[in-house]
């Protein structure tokens, strides 16, 4: 009976170690795949979401400033026409 229990204990340890090795291999494979995807995307010159949002905000600000300058220019042209 003791030999049977020892066999089961050894088998349990073996399976536990095998699961640990499998988990480590999975983590390594996932890290390698993520690195490959990052390099592939970098080679394609895709922009990140953060870069896109930053440029978008700059464009919105530039449009707003252009509208303000257009209004000032129209007001100045109106005053010049009234004086001339």
C-alpha atoms as a PDB file:
ATOM      1  CA  UNK A   1       0.000   0.000   0.000  1.00  0.00           C
ATOM      2  CA  UNK A   2       2.873   2.348   0.808  1.00  0.00           C
ATOM      3  CA  UNK A   3       4.491   1.687  -2.561  1.00  0.00           C
ATOM      4  CA  UNK A   4       1.224   2.549  -4.270  1.00  0.00           C
ATOM      5  CA  UNK A   5       0.977   5.847  -2.357  1.00  0.00           C
ATOM      6  CA  UNK A   6       4.604   6.666  -3.151  1.00  0.00           C
ATOM      7  CA  UNK A   7       3.952   6.003  -6.852  1.00  0.00           C
ATOM      8  CA  UNK A   8       0.942   8.337  -6.795  1.00  0.00           C
ATOM      9  CA  UNK A   9       2.953  11.007  -4.938  1.00  0.00           C
ATOM     10  CA  UNK A  10       5.765  10.776  -7.487  1.00  0.00           C
ATOM     11  CA  UNK A  11       3.286  10.923 -10.350  1.00  0.00           C
ATOM     12  CA  UNK A  12       1.638  13.965  -8.766  1.00  0.00           C
ATOM     13  CA  UNK A  13       5.006  15.744  -8.423  1.00  0.00           C
ATOM     14  CA  UNK A  14       5.866  14.874 -12.009  1.00  0.00           C
ATOM     15  CA  UNK A  15       2.566  16.292 -13.272  1.00  0.00           C
ATOM     16  CA  UNK A  16       2.993  19.440 -11.158  1.00  0.00           C
ATOM     17  CA  UNK A  17       6.487  19.993 -12.572  1.00  0.00           C
ATOM     18  CA  UNK A  18       5.226  19.349 -16.100  1.00  0.00           C
ATOM     19  CA  UNK A  19       2.497  21.976 -15.643  1.00  0.00           C
ATOM     20  CA  UNK A  20       5.096  24.460 -14.412  1.00  0.00           C
ATOM     21  CA  UNK A  21       7.267  23.822 -17.461  1.00  0.00           C
ATOM     22  CA  UNK A  22       4.238  24.156 -19.757  1.00  0.00           C
ATOM     23  CA  UNK A  23       3.278  27.468 -18.125  1.00  0.00           C
ATOM     24  CA  UNK A  24       6.832  28.765 -18.528  1.00  0.00           C
ATOM     25  CA  UNK A  25       6.871  27.734 -22.185  1.00  0.00           C
ATOM     26  CA  UNK A  26       3.511  29.461 -22.718  1.00  0.00           C
ATOM     27  CA  UNK A  27       4.815  32.678 -21.123  1.00  0.00           C
ATOM     28  CA  UNK A  28       7.965  32.600 -23.256  1.00  0.00           C
ATOM     29  CA  UNK A  29       5.967  31.982 -26.429  1.00  0.00           C
ATOM     30  CA  UNK A  30       3.594  34.826 -25.621  1.00  0.00           C
ATOM     31  CA  UNK A  31       6.479  37.216 -24.906  1.00  0.00           C
ATOM     32  CA  UNK A  32       8.190  36.256 -28.166  1.00  0.00           C
ATOM     33  CA  UNK A  33       4.945  36.679 -30.123  1.00  0.00           C
ATOM     34  CA  UNK A  34       4.255  40.089 -28.565  1.00  0.00           C
ATOM     35  CA  UNK A  35       7.795  41.192 -29.408  1.00  0.00           C
ATOM     36  CA  UNK A  36       7.363  40.011 -32.996  1.00  0.00           C
ATOM     37  CA  UNK A  37       4.052  41.891 -33.322  1.00  0.00           C
ATOM     38  CA  UNK A  38       5.605  45.077 -31.881  1.00  0.00           C
ATOM     39  CA  UNK A  39       8.517  44.889 -34.352  1.00  0.00           C
ATOM     40  CA  UNK A  40       6.156  44.176 -37.256  1.00  0.00           C
ATOM     41  CA  UNK A  41       3.987  47.176 -36.383  1.00  0.00           C
ATOM     42  CA  UNK A  42       7.039  49.420 -35.931  1.00  0.00           C
ATOM     43  CA  UNK A  43       8.345  48.416 -39.360  1.00  0.00           C
ATOM     44  CA  UNK A  44       5.011  49.438 -40.905  1.00  0.00           C
ATOM     45  CA  UNK A  45       5.185  52.978 -39.456  1.00  0.00           C
ATOM     46  CA  UNK A  46       1.792  52.671 -37.809  1.00  0.00           C
ATOM     47  CA  UNK A  47       1.107  55.294 -35.173  1.00  0.00           C
ATOM     48  CA  UNK A  48       0.097  54.490 -31.650  1.00  0.00           C
ATOM     49  CA  UNK A  49      -3.236  55.597 -30.238  1.00  0.00           C
ATOM     50  CA  UNK A  50      -1.425  58.146 -28.070  1.00  0.00           C
ATOM     51  CA  UNK A  51       0.366  59.667 -31.074  1.00  0.00           C
ATOM     52  CA  UNK A  52      -2.890  59.809 -33.033  1.00  0.00           C
ATOM     53  CA  UNK A  53      -4.723  61.522 -30.181  1.00  0.00           C
ATOM     54  CA  UNK A  54      -1.912  64.069 -29.741  1.00  0.00           C
ATOM     55  CA  UNK A  55      -1.979  65.033 -33.434  1.00  0.00           C
ATOM     56  CA  UNK A  56      -5.778  65.125 -33.379  1.00  0.00           C
ATOM     57  CA  UNK A  57      -5.747  67.564 -30.456  1.00  0.00           C
ATOM     58  CA  UNK A  58      -3.190  69.739 -32.276  1.00  0.00           C
ATOM     59  CA  UNK A  59      -5.411  69.820 -35.378  1.00  0.00           C
ATOM     60  CA  UNK A  60      -8.487  70.771 -33.337  1.00  0.00           C
ATOM     61  CA  UNK A  61      -6.541  73.577 -31.655  1.00  0.00           C
ATOM     62  CA  UNK A  62      -5.197  74.828 -35.010  1.00  0.00           C
ATOM     63  CA  UNK A  63      -8.706  74.913 -36.504  1.00  0.00           C
ATOM     64  CA  UNK A  64      -9.993  76.855 -33.530  1.00  0.00           C
ATOM     65  CA  UNK A  65      -7.144  79.365 -33.782  1.00  0.00           C
ATOM     66  CA  UNK A  66      -7.734  79.722 -37.529  1.00  0.00           C
ATOM     67  CA  UNK A  67     -11.420  80.476 -36.922  1.00  0.00           C
ATOM     68  CA  UNK A  68     -10.514  83.129 -34.334  1.00  0.00           C
ATOM     69  CA  UNK A  69      -7.958  84.717 -36.678  1.00  0.00           C
ATOM     70  CA  UNK A  70     -10.492  84.685 -39.544  1.00  0.00           C
ATOM     71  CA  UNK A  71     -13.009  86.509 -37.332  1.00  0.00           C
ATOM     72  CA  UNK A  72     -10.399  89.113 -36.336  1.00  0.00           C
ATOM     73  CA  UNK A  73      -9.353  89.598 -39.961  1.00  0.00           C
ATOM     74  CA  UNK A  74     -12.972  90.021 -41.076  1.00  0.00           C
ATOM     75  CA  UNK A  75     -13.512  92.595 -38.302  1.00  0.00           C
ATOM     76  CA  UNK A  76     -10.370  94.524 -39.310  1.00  0.00           C
ATOM     77  CA  UNK A  77     -11.358  94.451 -42.979  1.00  0.00           C
ATOM     78  CA  UNK A  78     -14.827  95.707 -42.032  1.00  0.00           C
ATOM     79  CA  UNK A  79     -13.310  98.639 -40.094  1.00  0.00           C
ATOM     80  CA  UNK A  80     -10.967  99.470 -42.978  1.00  0.00           C
ATOM     81  CA  UNK A  81     -13.872  99.460 -45.435  1.00  0.00           C
ATOM     82  CA  UNK A  82     -15.916 101.746 -43.157  1.00  0.00           C
ATOM     83  CA  UNK A  83     -13.026 104.230 -42.855  1.00  0.00           C
ATOM     84  CA  UNK A  84     -12.129 104.193 -46.548  1.00  0.00           C
END
